[in-house]
C-alpha atoms as a PDB file:
ATOM      1  CA  MET A   1      49.032  22.494  20.457  1.00  0.00           C
ATOM      2  CA  ALA A   2      46.376  21.782  18.332  1.00  0.00           C
ATOM      3  CA  SER A   3      44.749  17.840  18.810  1.00  0.00           C
ATOM      4  CA  PRO A   4      44.719  15.533  15.916  1.00  0.00           C
ATOM      5  CA  SER A   5      40.523  16.613  15.671  1.00  0.00           C
ATOM      6  CA  THR A   6      40.978  20.162  15.434  1.00  0.00           C
ATOM      7  CA  PRO A   7      41.114  21.661  11.679  1.00  0.00           C
ATOM      8  CA  LEU A   8      44.724  22.690  10.760  1.00  0.00           C
ATOM      9  CA  THR A   9      44.504  26.183   8.640  1.00  0.00           C
ATOM     10  CA  PRO A  10      46.419  25.697   5.257  1.00  0.00           C
ATOM     11  CA  ALA A  11      49.396  27.575   5.031  1.00  0.00           C
ATOM     12  CA  ALA A  12      50.276  29.500   1.869  1.00  0.00           C
ATOM     13  CA  GLN A  13      52.899  30.997  -0.095  1.00  0.00           C
ATOM     14  CA  ALA A  14      52.710  34.886  -1.527  1.00  0.00           C
ATOM     15  CA  CYS A  15      54.938  36.910  -3.695  1.00  0.00           C
ATOM     16  CA  TRP A  16      55.453  40.306  -2.572  1.00  0.00           C
ATOM     17  CA  THR A  17      57.359  43.278  -3.762  1.00  0.00           C
ATOM     18  CA  VAL A  18      58.863  44.016  -0.710  1.00  0.00           C
ATOM     19  CA  ALA A  19      60.425  47.339  -2.034  1.00  0.00           C
ATOM     20  CA  PRO A  20      61.277  48.991  -5.702  1.00  0.00           C
ATOM     21  CA  GLY A  21      63.608  46.237  -7.136  1.00  0.00           C
ATOM     22  CA  ARG A  22      63.132  43.957  -4.885  1.00  0.00           C
ATOM     23  CA  ALA A  23      60.881  40.558  -4.265  1.00  0.00           C
ATOM     24  CA  GLU A  24      60.532  37.567  -2.077  1.00  0.00           C
ATOM     25  CA  ILE A  25      57.657  34.862  -1.323  1.00  0.00           C
ATOM     26  CA  ARG A  26      56.768  34.676   2.259  1.00  0.00           C
ATOM     27  CA  ASP A  27      54.795  32.811   3.846  1.00  0.00           C
ATOM     28  CA  GLU A  28      50.788  33.476   4.335  1.00  0.00           C
ATOM     29  CA  THR A  29      48.066  31.702   6.834  1.00  0.00           C
ATOM     30  CA  LEU A  30      44.358  31.858   5.438  1.00  0.00           C
ATOM     31  CA  PRO A  31      41.170  32.624   8.402  1.00  0.00           C
ATOM     32  CA  PRO A  32      39.035  29.726   8.503  1.00  0.00           C
ATOM     33  CA  LEU A  33      36.918  30.051   4.804  1.00  0.00           C
ATOM     34  CA  SER A  34      32.836  31.444   5.585  1.00  0.00           C
ATOM     35  CA  GLY A  35      30.404  30.418   4.159  1.00  0.00           C
ATOM     36  CA  ASP A  36      30.394  32.360   1.136  1.00  0.00           C
ATOM     37  CA  GLU A  37      33.991  31.696  -0.093  1.00  0.00           C
ATOM     38  CA  VAL A  38      36.115  29.161  -2.096  1.00  0.00           C
ATOM     39  CA  ARG A  39      39.471  27.928  -1.815  1.00  0.00           C
ATOM     40  CA  VAL A  40      41.465  27.623  -4.435  1.00  0.00           C
ATOM     41  CA  ARG A  41      44.681  26.107  -5.110  1.00  0.00           C
ATOM     42  CA  THR A  42      46.645  27.554  -7.606  1.00  0.00           C
ATOM     43  CA  LEU A  43      47.821  25.882 -10.804  1.00  0.00           C
ATOM     44  CA  HIS A  44      49.317  28.668 -12.957  1.00  0.00           C
ATOM     45  CA  THR A  45      49.809  32.795 -12.973  1.00  0.00           C
ATOM     46  CA  GLY A  46      50.678  35.326 -15.739  1.00  0.00           C
ATOM     47  CA  LEU A  47      53.093  37.864 -14.926  1.00  0.00           C
ATOM     48  CA  SER A  48      52.506  40.883 -16.828  1.00  0.00           C
ATOM     49  CA  ARG A  49      55.525  42.558 -18.238  1.00  0.00           C
ATOM     50  CA  GLY A  50      54.075  46.017 -18.459  1.00  0.00           C
ATOM     51  CA  THR A  51      51.989  46.675 -15.437  1.00  0.00           C
ATOM     52  CA  GLU A  52      53.908  44.520 -13.019  1.00  0.00           C
ATOM     53  CA  GLY A  53      57.144  45.400 -14.158  1.00  0.00           C
ATOM     54  CA  LEU A  54      56.224  48.917 -13.404  1.00  0.00           C
ATOM     55  CA  VAL A  55      54.652  48.052  -9.865  1.00  0.00           C
ATOM     56  CA  PHE A  56      57.913  46.288  -9.503  1.00  0.00           C
ATOM     57  CA  ARG A  57      60.473  49.198 -10.245  1.00  0.00           C
ATOM     58  CA  GLY A  58      58.366  51.687  -7.753  1.00  0.00           C
ATOM     59  CA  GLU A  59      57.202  53.771 -10.808  1.00  0.00           C
ATOM     60  CA  VAL A  60      53.669  53.503 -10.246  1.00  0.00           C
ATOM     61  CA  PRO A  61      52.579  57.631  -9.285  1.00  0.00           C
ATOM     62  CA  ALA A  62      50.935  58.908  -6.049  1.00  0.00           C
ATOM     63  CA  SER A  63      48.313  60.822  -7.899  1.00  0.00           C
ATOM     64  CA  GLU A  64      47.379  56.785  -9.667  1.00  0.00           C
ATOM     65  CA  ALA A  65      47.797  54.913  -6.370  1.00  0.00           C
ATOM     66  CA  ARG A  66      44.742  54.061  -5.700  1.00  0.00           C
ATOM     67  CA  ARG A  67      43.017  53.766  -9.274  1.00  0.00           C
ATOM     68  CA  MET A  68      45.713  51.279  -9.667  1.00  0.00           C
ATOM     69  CA  ARG A  69      45.211  48.808  -6.871  1.00  0.00           C
ATOM     70  CA  ALA A  70      44.396  45.295  -8.189  1.00  0.00           C
ATOM     71  CA  PRO A  71      41.116  43.765  -6.778  1.00  0.00           C
ATOM     72  CA  PHE A  72      42.909  41.582  -4.164  1.00  0.00           C
ATOM     73  CA  GLN A  73      46.100  43.480  -3.786  1.00  0.00           C
ATOM     74  CA  VAL A  74      47.232  43.592   0.377  1.00  0.00           C
ATOM     75  CA  GLY A  75      49.947  46.231   1.422  1.00  0.00           C
ATOM     76  CA  GLU A  76      50.702  49.725  -0.619  1.00  0.00           C
ATOM     77  CA  PHE A  77      52.615  51.086  -3.681  1.00  0.00           C
ATOM     78  CA  PRO A  78      55.669  50.773  -3.454  1.00  0.00           C
ATOM     79  CA  GLY A  79      55.945  48.352  -1.074  1.00  0.00           C
ATOM     80  CA  PRO A  80      55.478  46.051   0.472  1.00  0.00           C
ATOM     81  CA  VAL A  81      52.855  44.963  -1.579  1.00  0.00           C
ATOM     82  CA  LYS A  82      51.401  41.693  -3.037  1.00  0.00           C
ATOM     83  CA  TYR A  83      50.663  42.152  -6.132  1.00  0.00           C
ATOM     84  CA  GLY A  84      49.152  40.446  -9.082  1.00  0.00           C
ATOM     85  CA  TYR A  85      45.867  39.267 -11.113  1.00  0.00           C
ATOM     86  CA  VAL A  86      46.245  36.235 -13.436  1.00  0.00           C
ATOM     87  CA  ASN A  87      45.386  33.264 -11.574  1.00  0.00           C
ATOM     88  CA  VAL A  88      44.699  29.729 -12.679  1.00  0.00           C
ATOM     89  CA  GLY A  89      43.595  27.377  -9.897  1.00  0.00           C
ATOM     90  CA  VAL A  90      40.750  24.106  -8.950  1.00  0.00           C
ATOM     91  CA  VAL A  91      38.410  25.188  -5.919  1.00  0.00           C
ATOM     92  CA  GLU A  92      39.196  22.508  -3.325  1.00  0.00           C
ATOM     93  CA  ALA A  93      36.646  23.926  -0.824  1.00  0.00           C
ATOM     94  CA  GLY A  94      33.275  26.149  -0.974  1.00  0.00           C
ATOM     95  CA  PRO A  95      30.132  25.961  -2.851  1.00  0.00           C
ATOM     96  CA  THR A  96      28.945  22.215  -4.280  1.00  0.00           C
ATOM     97  CA  GLY A  97      28.383  23.666  -7.284  1.00  0.00           C
ATOM     98  CA  LEU A  98      32.347  25.056  -8.062  1.00  0.00           C
ATOM     99  CA  LEU A  99      34.214  22.173  -6.035  1.00  0.00           C
ATOM    100  CA  GLY A 100      36.868  20.700  -8.147  1.00  0.00           C
ATOM    101  CA  ARG A 101      36.203  23.169 -11.057  1.00  0.00           C
ATOM    102  CA  THR A 102      39.087  25.134 -12.507  1.00  0.00           C
ATOM    103  CA  VAL A 103      38.607  28.923 -12.641  1.00  0.00           C
ATOM    104  CA  PHE A 104      40.264  32.188 -13.631  1.00  0.00           C
ATOM    105  CA  CYS A 105      40.592  35.149 -10.494  1.00  0.00           C
ATOM    106  CA  LEU A 106      41.970  38.647 -10.467  1.00  0.00           C
ATOM    107  CA  TYR A 107      44.425  37.165  -7.458  1.00  0.00           C
ATOM    108  CA  PRO A 108      47.975  38.399  -6.756  1.00  0.00           C
ATOM    109  CA  HIS A 109      50.773  35.295  -6.849  1.00  0.00           C
ATOM    110  CA  GLN A 110      49.993  32.788  -4.304  1.00  0.00           C
ATOM    111  CA  THR A 111      49.701  28.662  -4.033  1.00  0.00           C
ATOM    112  CA  VAL A 112      46.753  29.090  -2.331  1.00  0.00           C
ATOM    113  CA  TYR A 113      43.882  31.187  -1.354  1.00  0.00           C
ATOM    114  CA  GLN A 114      40.678  32.567  -0.368  1.00  0.00           C
ATOM    115  CA  VAL A 115      37.966  34.838  -1.856  1.00  0.00           C
ATOM    116  CA  PRO A 116      34.085  35.360  -2.438  1.00  0.00           C
ATOM    117  CA  ALA A 117      32.499  32.474  -4.526  1.00  0.00           C
ATOM    118  CA  GLN A 118      31.618  35.614  -7.310  1.00  0.00           C
ATOM    119  CA  ALA A 119      35.324  36.242  -7.654  1.00  0.00           C
ATOM    120  CA  VAL A 120      35.874  33.172  -9.606  1.00  0.00           C
ATOM    121  CA  VAL A 121      34.513  32.626 -13.138  1.00  0.00           C
ATOM    122  CA  PRO A 122      34.830  28.808 -14.220  1.00  0.00           C
ATOM    123  CA  LEU A 123      36.712  28.147 -17.297  1.00  0.00           C
ATOM    124  CA  PRO A 124      34.516  26.760 -20.237  1.00  0.00           C
ATOM    125  CA  SER A 125      34.967  23.988 -21.863  1.00  0.00           C
ATOM    126  CA  GLY A 126      38.269  23.291 -23.916  1.00  0.00           C
ATOM    127  CA  VAL A 127      39.797  26.126 -22.370  1.00  0.00           C
ATOM    128  CA  PRO A 128      42.937  24.434 -20.882  1.00  0.00           C
ATOM    129  CA  PRO A 129      44.124  25.531 -17.578  1.00  0.00           C
ATOM    130  CA  ALA A 130      47.986  26.948 -19.249  1.00  0.00           C
ATOM    131  CA  ARG A 131      46.459  28.789 -21.525  1.00  0.00           C
ATOM    132  CA  ALA A 132      43.647  30.553 -19.320  1.00  0.00           C
ATOM    133  CA  VAL A 133      46.412  32.843 -17.970  1.00  0.00           C
ATOM    134  CA  LEU A 134      46.085  35.089 -21.448  1.00  0.00           C
ATOM    135  CA  ALA A 135      42.621  35.967 -19.721  1.00  0.00           C
ATOM    136  CA  ALA A 136      43.421  39.530 -18.380  1.00  0.00           C
ATOM    137  CA  ASN A 137      45.459  40.487 -21.192  1.00  0.00           C
ATOM    138  CA  LEU A 138      42.556  39.233 -23.808  1.00  0.00           C
ATOM    139  CA  GLU A 139      40.316  41.150 -21.812  1.00  0.00           C
ATOM    140  CA  THR A 140      42.065  43.931 -22.119  1.00  0.00           C
ATOM    141  CA  ALA A 141      42.364  43.551 -26.230  1.00  0.00           C
ATOM    142  CA  ILE A 142      38.882  43.083 -26.197  1.00  0.00           C
ATOM    143  CA  ASN A 143      37.896  46.342 -24.578  1.00  0.00           C
ATOM    144  CA  ALA A 144      40.881  48.024 -27.137  1.00  0.00           C
ATOM    145  CA  LEU A 145      39.071  47.001 -30.139  1.00  0.00           C
ATOM    146  CA  TRP A 146      35.417  48.505 -28.542  1.00  0.00           C
ATOM    147  CA  ASP A 147      37.448  51.558 -27.964  1.00  0.00           C
ATOM    148  CA  ALA A 148      38.691  51.873 -31.328  1.00  0.00           C
ATOM    149  CA  ALA A 149      35.652  50.500 -33.170  1.00  0.00           C
ATOM    150  CA  PRO A 150      37.632  49.293 -36.177  1.00  0.00           C
ATOM    151  CA  ARG A 151      35.524  48.849 -39.153  1.00  0.00           C
ATOM    152  CA  LEU A 152      35.014  46.226 -42.091  1.00  0.00           C
ATOM    153  CA  GLY A 153      38.083  46.582 -44.923  1.00  0.00           C
ATOM    154  CA  GLU A 154      40.172  48.740 -42.299  1.00  0.00           C
ATOM    155  CA  ARG A 155      43.899  48.878 -42.148  1.00  0.00           C
ATOM    156  CA  ILE A 156      45.252  48.273 -38.890  1.00  0.00           C
ATOM    157  CA  ALA A 157      48.473  48.766 -37.366  1.00  0.00           C
ATOM    158  CA  VAL A 158      49.527  47.291 -34.352  1.00  0.00           C
ATOM    159  CA  VAL A 159      52.830  49.135 -33.302  1.00  0.00           C
ATOM    160  CA  GLY A 160      54.784  46.645 -30.593  1.00  0.00           C
ATOM    161  CA  GLY A 161      54.772  42.853 -30.550  1.00  0.00           C
ATOM    162  CA  GLY A 162      54.104  42.050 -27.245  1.00  0.00           C
ATOM    163  CA  THR A 163      51.148  39.556 -25.855  1.00  0.00           C
ATOM    164  CA  LEU A 164      48.807  42.748 -25.874  1.00  0.00           C
ATOM    165  CA  GLY A 165      49.519  44.019 -29.257  1.00  0.00           C
ATOM    166  CA  LEU A 166      49.676  40.418 -30.895  1.00  0.00           C
ATOM    167  CA  LEU A 167      46.315  39.791 -29.092  1.00  0.00           C
ATOM    168  CA  VAL A 168      44.984  42.832 -30.251  1.00  0.00           C
ATOM    169  CA  ALA A 169      46.320  41.843 -34.288  1.00  0.00           C
ATOM    170  CA  TRP A 170      44.280  38.610 -33.357  1.00  0.00           C
ATOM    171  CA  LEU A 171      41.312  39.900 -32.834  1.00  0.00           C
ATOM    172  CA  ALA A 172      41.497  42.637 -35.433  1.00  0.00           C
ATOM    173  CA  ALA A 173      42.476  39.808 -38.127  1.00  0.00           C
ATOM    174  CA  ARG A 174      39.542  37.802 -37.559  1.00  0.00           C
ATOM    175  CA  LEU A 175      37.447  41.087 -39.007  1.00  0.00           C
ATOM    176  CA  PRO A 176      36.423  40.625 -42.554  1.00  0.00           C
ATOM    177  CA  GLY A 177      38.589  42.966 -44.901  1.00  0.00           C
ATOM    178  CA  CYS A 178      40.830  44.192 -42.358  1.00  0.00           C
ATOM    179  CA  GLU A 179      44.239  43.853 -43.021  1.00  0.00           C
ATOM    180  CA  VAL A 180      46.637  43.863 -40.168  1.00  0.00           C
ATOM    181  CA  GLN A 181      50.163  44.728 -39.565  1.00  0.00           C
ATOM    182  CA  VAL A 182      51.952  44.321 -36.169  1.00  0.00           C
ATOM    183  CA  ILE A 183      55.120  46.453 -35.800  1.00  0.00           C
ATOM    184  CA  ASP A 184      58.253  45.484 -33.821  1.00  0.00           C
ATOM    185  CA  THR A 185      61.997  46.379 -33.232  1.00  0.00           C
ATOM    186  CA  GLU A 186      62.139  42.147 -33.000  1.00  0.00           C
ATOM    187  CA  ALA A 187      62.446  40.834 -36.235  1.00  0.00           C
ATOM    188  CA  GLY A 188      61.550  37.346 -34.655  1.00  0.00           C
ATOM    189  CA  ARG A 189      57.796  38.211 -34.057  1.00  0.00           C
ATOM    190  CA  ALA A 190      57.249  38.278 -38.209  1.00  0.00           C
ATOM    191  CA  ASP A 191      56.434  33.767 -37.023  1.00  0.00           C
ATOM    192  CA  VAL A 192      53.901  34.618 -34.212  1.00  0.00           C
ATOM    193  CA  ALA A 193      52.025  37.854 -36.065  1.00  0.00           C
ATOM    194  CA  ALA A 194      51.257  35.191 -39.130  1.00  0.00           C
ATOM    195  CA  ALA A 195      49.966  32.579 -37.160  1.00  0.00           C
ATOM    196  CA  LEU A 196      47.699  34.844 -35.999  1.00  0.00           C
ATOM    197  CA  GLY A 197      46.738  35.890 -39.226  1.00  0.00           C
ATOM    198  CA  ALA A 198      48.304  39.235 -39.346  1.00  0.00           C
ATOM    199  CA  GLY A 199      51.082  40.634 -41.526  1.00  0.00           C
ATOM    200  CA  PHE A 200      54.392  41.887 -39.827  1.00  0.00           C
ATOM    201  CA  ALA A 201      56.599  44.799 -40.342  1.00  0.00           C
ATOM    202  CA  LEU A 202      60.122  46.537 -38.625  1.00  0.00           C
ATOM    203  CA  PRO A 203      59.626  50.338 -37.928  1.00  0.00           C
ATOM    204  CA  MET A 204      61.233  51.762 -40.529  1.00  0.00           C
ATOM    205  CA  ASP A 205      59.495  49.040 -42.902  1.00  0.00           C
ATOM    206  CA  ALA A 206      56.059  49.398 -41.815  1.00  0.00           C
ATOM    207  CA  ARG A 207      53.180  50.412 -44.361  1.00  0.00           C
ATOM    208  CA  GLY A 208      51.479  53.716 -43.681  1.00  0.00           C
ATOM    209  CA  ASP A 209      48.107  55.455 -44.473  1.00  0.00           C
ATOM    210  CA  ALA A 210      46.587  53.178 -41.366  1.00  0.00           C
ATOM    211  CA  ASP A 211      42.461  53.909 -40.934  1.00  0.00           C
ATOM    212  CA  LEU A 212      43.473  52.862 -37.031  1.00  0.00           C
ATOM    213  CA  VAL A 213      46.346  52.776 -35.334  1.00  0.00           C
ATOM    214  CA  VAL A 214      46.868  50.840 -31.852  1.00  0.00           C
ATOM    215  CA  HIS A 215      50.352  51.721 -29.625  1.00  0.00           C
ATOM    216  CA  THR A 216      51.177  48.896 -27.255  1.00  0.00           C
ATOM    217  CA  SER A 217      55.448  49.294 -27.233  1.00  0.00           C
ATOM    218  CA  GLY A 218      55.127  50.743 -23.777  1.00  0.00           C
ATOM    219  CA  GLN A 219      58.073  52.936 -25.468  1.00  0.00           C
ATOM    220  CA  ALA A 220      58.215  56.838 -26.756  1.00  0.00           C
ATOM    221  CA  ALA A 221      59.775  55.819 -29.897  1.00  0.00           C
ATOM    222  CA  GLY A 222      56.874  53.461 -30.631  1.00  0.00           C
ATOM    223  CA  LEU A 223      54.279  56.191 -30.592  1.00  0.00           C
ATOM    224  CA  ALA A 224      56.536  58.254 -32.553  1.00  0.00           C
ATOM    225  CA  THR A 225      55.962  55.277 -35.312  1.00  0.00           C
ATOM    226  CA  ALA A 226      52.122  54.996 -34.325  1.00  0.00           C
ATOM    227  CA  LEU A 227      51.379  58.354 -35.319  1.00  0.00           C
ATOM    228  CA  ARG A 228      53.738  58.550 -38.304  1.00  0.00           C
ATOM    229  CA  LEU A 229      51.638  55.582 -39.672  1.00  0.00           C
ATOM    230  CA  ALA A 230      47.982  56.891 -39.154  1.00  0.00           C
ATOM    231  CA  ALA A 231      46.402  58.540 -42.084  1.00  0.00           C
ATOM    232  CA  PHE A 232      44.310  61.832 -42.723  1.00  0.00           C
ATOM    233  CA  GLU A 233      41.675  61.731 -39.671  1.00  0.00           C
ATOM    234  CA  ALA A 234      43.052  58.125 -37.948  1.00  0.00           C
ATOM    235  CA  THR A 235      42.579  57.341 -34.516  1.00  0.00           C
ATOM    236  CA  VAL A 236      45.790  56.313 -32.541  1.00  0.00           C
ATOM    237  CA  LEU A 237      44.728  54.523 -29.488  1.00  0.00           C
ATOM    238  CA  GLU A 238      47.058  53.824 -26.967  1.00  0.00           C
ATOM    239  CA  LEU A 239      46.998  51.136 -24.603  1.00  0.00           C
ATOM    240  CA  SER A 240      50.555  51.746 -23.228  1.00  0.00           C
ATOM    241  CA  TRP A 241      50.620  52.593 -19.706  1.00  0.00           C
ATOM    242  CA  TYR A 242      54.447  54.658 -18.874  1.00  0.00           C
ATOM    243  CA  GLY A 243      53.532  54.647 -15.078  1.00  0.00           C
ATOM    244  CA  ASN A 244      55.375  57.901 -13.366  1.00  0.00           C
ATOM    245  CA  ARG A 245      57.930  58.104 -16.822  1.00  0.00           C
ATOM    246  CA  SER A 246      57.343  61.555 -19.237  1.00  0.00           C
ATOM    247  CA  VAL A 247      56.764  60.506 -22.716  1.00  0.00           C
ATOM    248  CA  SER A 248      57.753  62.787 -25.151  1.00  0.00           C
ATOM    249  CA  VAL A 249      54.951  63.157 -27.870  1.00  0.00           C
ATOM    250  CA  PRO A 250      55.819  64.473 -31.406  1.00  0.00           C
ATOM    251  CA  LEU A 251      52.772  66.393 -31.862  1.00  0.00           C
ATOM    252  CA  GLY A 252      54.322  68.798 -34.366  1.00  0.00           C
ATOM    253  CA  GLU A 253      54.758  67.264 -37.621  1.00  0.00           C
ATOM    254  CA  ALA A 254      51.661  65.840 -39.500  1.00  0.00           C
ATOM    255  CA  PHE A 255      49.606  65.322 -36.151  1.00  0.00           C
ATOM    256  CA  HIS A 256      47.607  68.646 -36.989  1.00  0.00           C
ATOM    257  CA  SER A 257      47.577  68.827 -40.976  1.00  0.00           C
ATOM    258  CA  GLN A 258      46.340  65.187 -40.725  1.00  0.00           C
ATOM    259  CA  ARG A 259      43.459  65.763 -37.565  1.00  0.00           C
ATOM    260  CA  LEU A 260      44.698  62.718 -35.892  1.00  0.00           C
ATOM    261  CA  THR A 261      42.799  61.535 -32.714  1.00  0.00           C
ATOM    262  CA  LEU A 262      45.148  60.489 -30.291  1.00  0.00           C
ATOM    263  CA  LYS A 263      42.956  58.163 -27.353  1.00  0.00           C
ATOM    264  CA  SER A 264      44.102  56.582 -24.438  1.00  0.00           C
ATOM    265  CA  SER A 265      42.181  52.666 -23.601  1.00  0.00           C
ATOM    266  CA  GLN A 266      42.644  51.321 -20.164  1.00  0.00           C
ATOM    267  CA  VAL A 267      40.606  48.433 -18.363  1.00  0.00           C
ATOM    268  CA  GLY A 268      39.733  49.353 -15.391  1.00  0.00           C
ATOM    269  CA  HIS A 269      36.472  50.808 -16.785  1.00  0.00           C
ATOM    270  CA  VAL A 270      34.384  49.150 -19.580  1.00  0.00           C
ATOM    271  CA  ALA A 271      34.348  51.094 -22.977  1.00  0.00           C
ATOM    272  CA  THR A 272      32.188  53.424 -23.178  1.00  0.00           C
ATOM    273  CA  ALA A 273      30.076  51.946 -26.141  1.00  0.00           C
ATOM    274  CA  GLN A 274      29.695  49.133 -24.146  1.00  0.00           C
ATOM    275  CA  ARG A 275      29.178  50.382 -20.459  1.00  0.00           C
ATOM    276  CA  GLY A 276      25.651  50.173 -20.233  1.00  0.00           C
ATOM    277  CA  ARG A 277      24.920  46.479 -21.184  1.00  0.00           C
ATOM    278  CA  TRP A 278      28.406  44.682 -20.168  1.00  0.00           C
ATOM    279  CA  SER A 279      29.449  44.271 -16.685  1.00  0.00           C
ATOM    280  CA  HIS A 280      33.620  43.576 -15.853  1.00  0.00           C
ATOM    281  CA  ARG A 281      32.184  40.173 -15.185  1.00  0.00           C
ATOM    282  CA  ARG A 282      30.823  39.357 -18.954  1.00  0.00           C
ATOM    283  CA  ARG A 283      33.528  41.386 -20.518  1.00  0.00           C
ATOM    284  CA  LEU A 284      36.210  38.628 -18.768  1.00  0.00           C
ATOM    285  CA  GLU A 285      33.588  35.516 -20.083  1.00  0.00           C
ATOM    286  CA  LEU A 286      33.777  36.817 -23.145  1.00  0.00           C
ATOM    287  CA  ALA A 287      37.881  37.146 -22.950  1.00  0.00           C
ATOM    288  CA  LEU A 288      37.451  33.077 -21.310  1.00  0.00           C
ATOM    289  CA  SER A 289      35.412  31.855 -23.968  1.00  0.00           C
ATOM    290  CA  LEU A 290      37.808  33.084 -26.828  1.00  0.00           C
ATOM    291  CA  LEU A 291      40.561  31.387 -25.491  1.00  0.00           C
ATOM    292  CA  THR A 292      39.790  27.930 -27.615  1.00  0.00           C
ATOM    293  CA  ASP A 293      42.126  28.781 -30.281  1.00  0.00           C
ATOM    294  CA  PRO A 294      45.428  26.252 -30.085  1.00  0.00           C
ATOM    295  CA  VAL A 295      47.333  29.176 -31.927  1.00  0.00           C
ATOM    296  CA  LEU A 296      47.593  31.425 -28.712  1.00  0.00           C
ATOM    297  CA  ASP A 297      49.597  29.040 -26.870  1.00  0.00           C
ATOM    298  CA  ARG A 298      52.374  30.416 -29.198  1.00  0.00           C
ATOM    299  CA  LEU A 299      52.233  33.723 -27.197  1.00  0.00           C
ATOM    300  CA  ILE A 300      53.191  31.585 -24.233  1.00  0.00           C
ATOM    301  CA  THR A 301      56.604  31.140 -24.694  1.00  0.00           C
ATOM    302  CA  HIS A 302      57.682  30.729 -21.182  1.00  0.00           C
ATOM    303  CA  GLY A 303      56.438  28.847 -18.087  1.00  0.00           C
ATOM    304  CA  ALA A 304      58.677  28.655 -15.003  1.00  0.00           C
ATOM    305  CA  PRO A 305      58.122  27.638 -10.903  1.00  0.00           C
ATOM    306  CA  PHE A 306      56.609  29.437  -8.383  1.00  0.00           C
ATOM    307  CA  ALA A 307      60.039  29.756  -6.550  1.00  0.00           C
ATOM    308  CA  GLN A 308      61.818  31.330  -9.004  1.00  0.00           C
ATOM    309  CA  LEU A 309      58.848  34.319  -9.410  1.00  0.00           C
ATOM    310  CA  PRO A 310      61.301  36.993  -7.406  1.00  0.00           C
ATOM    311  CA  GLU A 311      63.848  36.589  -9.520  1.00  0.00           C
ATOM    312  CA  LEU A 312      61.662  36.327 -12.981  1.00  0.00           C
ATOM    313  CA  LEU A 313      60.554  39.851 -11.943  1.00  0.00           C
ATOM    314  CA  ALA A 314      63.829  41.190 -11.470  1.00  0.00           C
ATOM    315  CA  ARG A 315      65.029  40.371 -15.149  1.00  0.00           C
ATOM    316  CA  LEU A 316      61.657  40.738 -16.867  1.00  0.00           C
ATOM    317  CA  SER A 317      61.091  44.153 -15.499  1.00  0.00           C
ATOM    318  CA  GLY A 318      64.364  45.802 -17.313  1.00  0.00           C
ATOM    319  CA  ASP A 319      64.692  45.699 -21.159  1.00  0.00           C
ATOM    320  CA  THR A 320      66.132  41.946 -21.210  1.00  0.00           C
ATOM    321  CA  ALA A 321      64.540  38.999 -22.114  1.00  0.00           C
ATOM    322  CA  PRO A 322      63.597  40.059 -25.292  1.00  0.00           C
ATOM    323  CA  ASP A 323      62.125  36.934 -26.862  1.00  0.00           C
ATOM    324  CA  THR A 324      60.036  36.459 -23.820  1.00  0.00           C
ATOM    325  CA  LEU A 325      56.233  37.091 -24.533  1.00  0.00           C
ATOM    326  CA  CYS A 326      53.659  35.585 -21.805  1.00  0.00           C
ATOM    327  CA  GLN A 327      55.708  34.760 -18.423  1.00  0.00           C
ATOM    328  CA  ARG A 328      53.555  31.972 -16.911  1.00  0.00           C
ATOM    329  CA  ILE A 329      54.374  30.705 -13.787  1.00  0.00           C
ATOM    330  CA  ASP A 330      53.851  26.959 -12.876  1.00  0.00           C
ATOM    331  CA  TYR A 331      52.739  25.723  -9.112  1.00  0.00           C
ATOM    332  CA  SER A 332      53.027  22.487  -8.258  1.00  0.00           C
ATOM    333  CA  ALA A 333      50.120  20.107  -7.266  1.00  0.00           C
END
């Protein structure tokens, strides 16, 4: 038994997907802190409905298991696996320059954790910790627009009004002269789209002849809508990831006569045009710096305590809860 003078190793709790469709909170023991590490106490994490839903359902293809690993993932797909990449916390031990700083890290859902100091990015002034859970999705949206390379004055359609799609729309709407329309089956997304500077339409009412279409819905019907809305020689940028699901793509009809381009984008690599000058860290720092706008709080529709995370994973990995955009997980101080 440790003497009163012996420092105790901090205990932590983490959420694990123990098998497809089942998650639980497990106790963790942290090793002694090394000289180049920080210990972070989590304030908030964010739940990625798309990717984490695929992990929770056990739908990560074996061929993609290595590429799909999160930076600090523990375990293997389909489980048990500790997965996640949206963590905002306060540094409570480590290098003097980081002590007490609020930081973002690509770490899973865990109450306290230790990582190399270079793995955390301090939040810029003016970015509240609760809003910083949008950073990973915003980084994906930035990379998408780098891949798409929209031009001033273009008509841009974003099919899928989830968190990622709305962030893409928010960025695109800030380009001079661009007309941005969000297309979604949930009419309730119109108000938040308007707040972000974009128009809104249900699929059958959407404006056609788009110079650029970005698809984020994760549904085959959404991809069909995206192709239908594209103008002559336009690009459809596919941001959805379907895991091991097969998706029917309507490459008949006007796909060839319209000379359309269907292009993928994925955040694991910095977009080609930027790759020679931008690191992953620089891109993440850019995403964090853009989170000073309070309008983005409209995207964080729900918060819940960490203890409810296993239940939330089960609920949000299905097609229910259409009113949920970004689900924030809150940790007690």
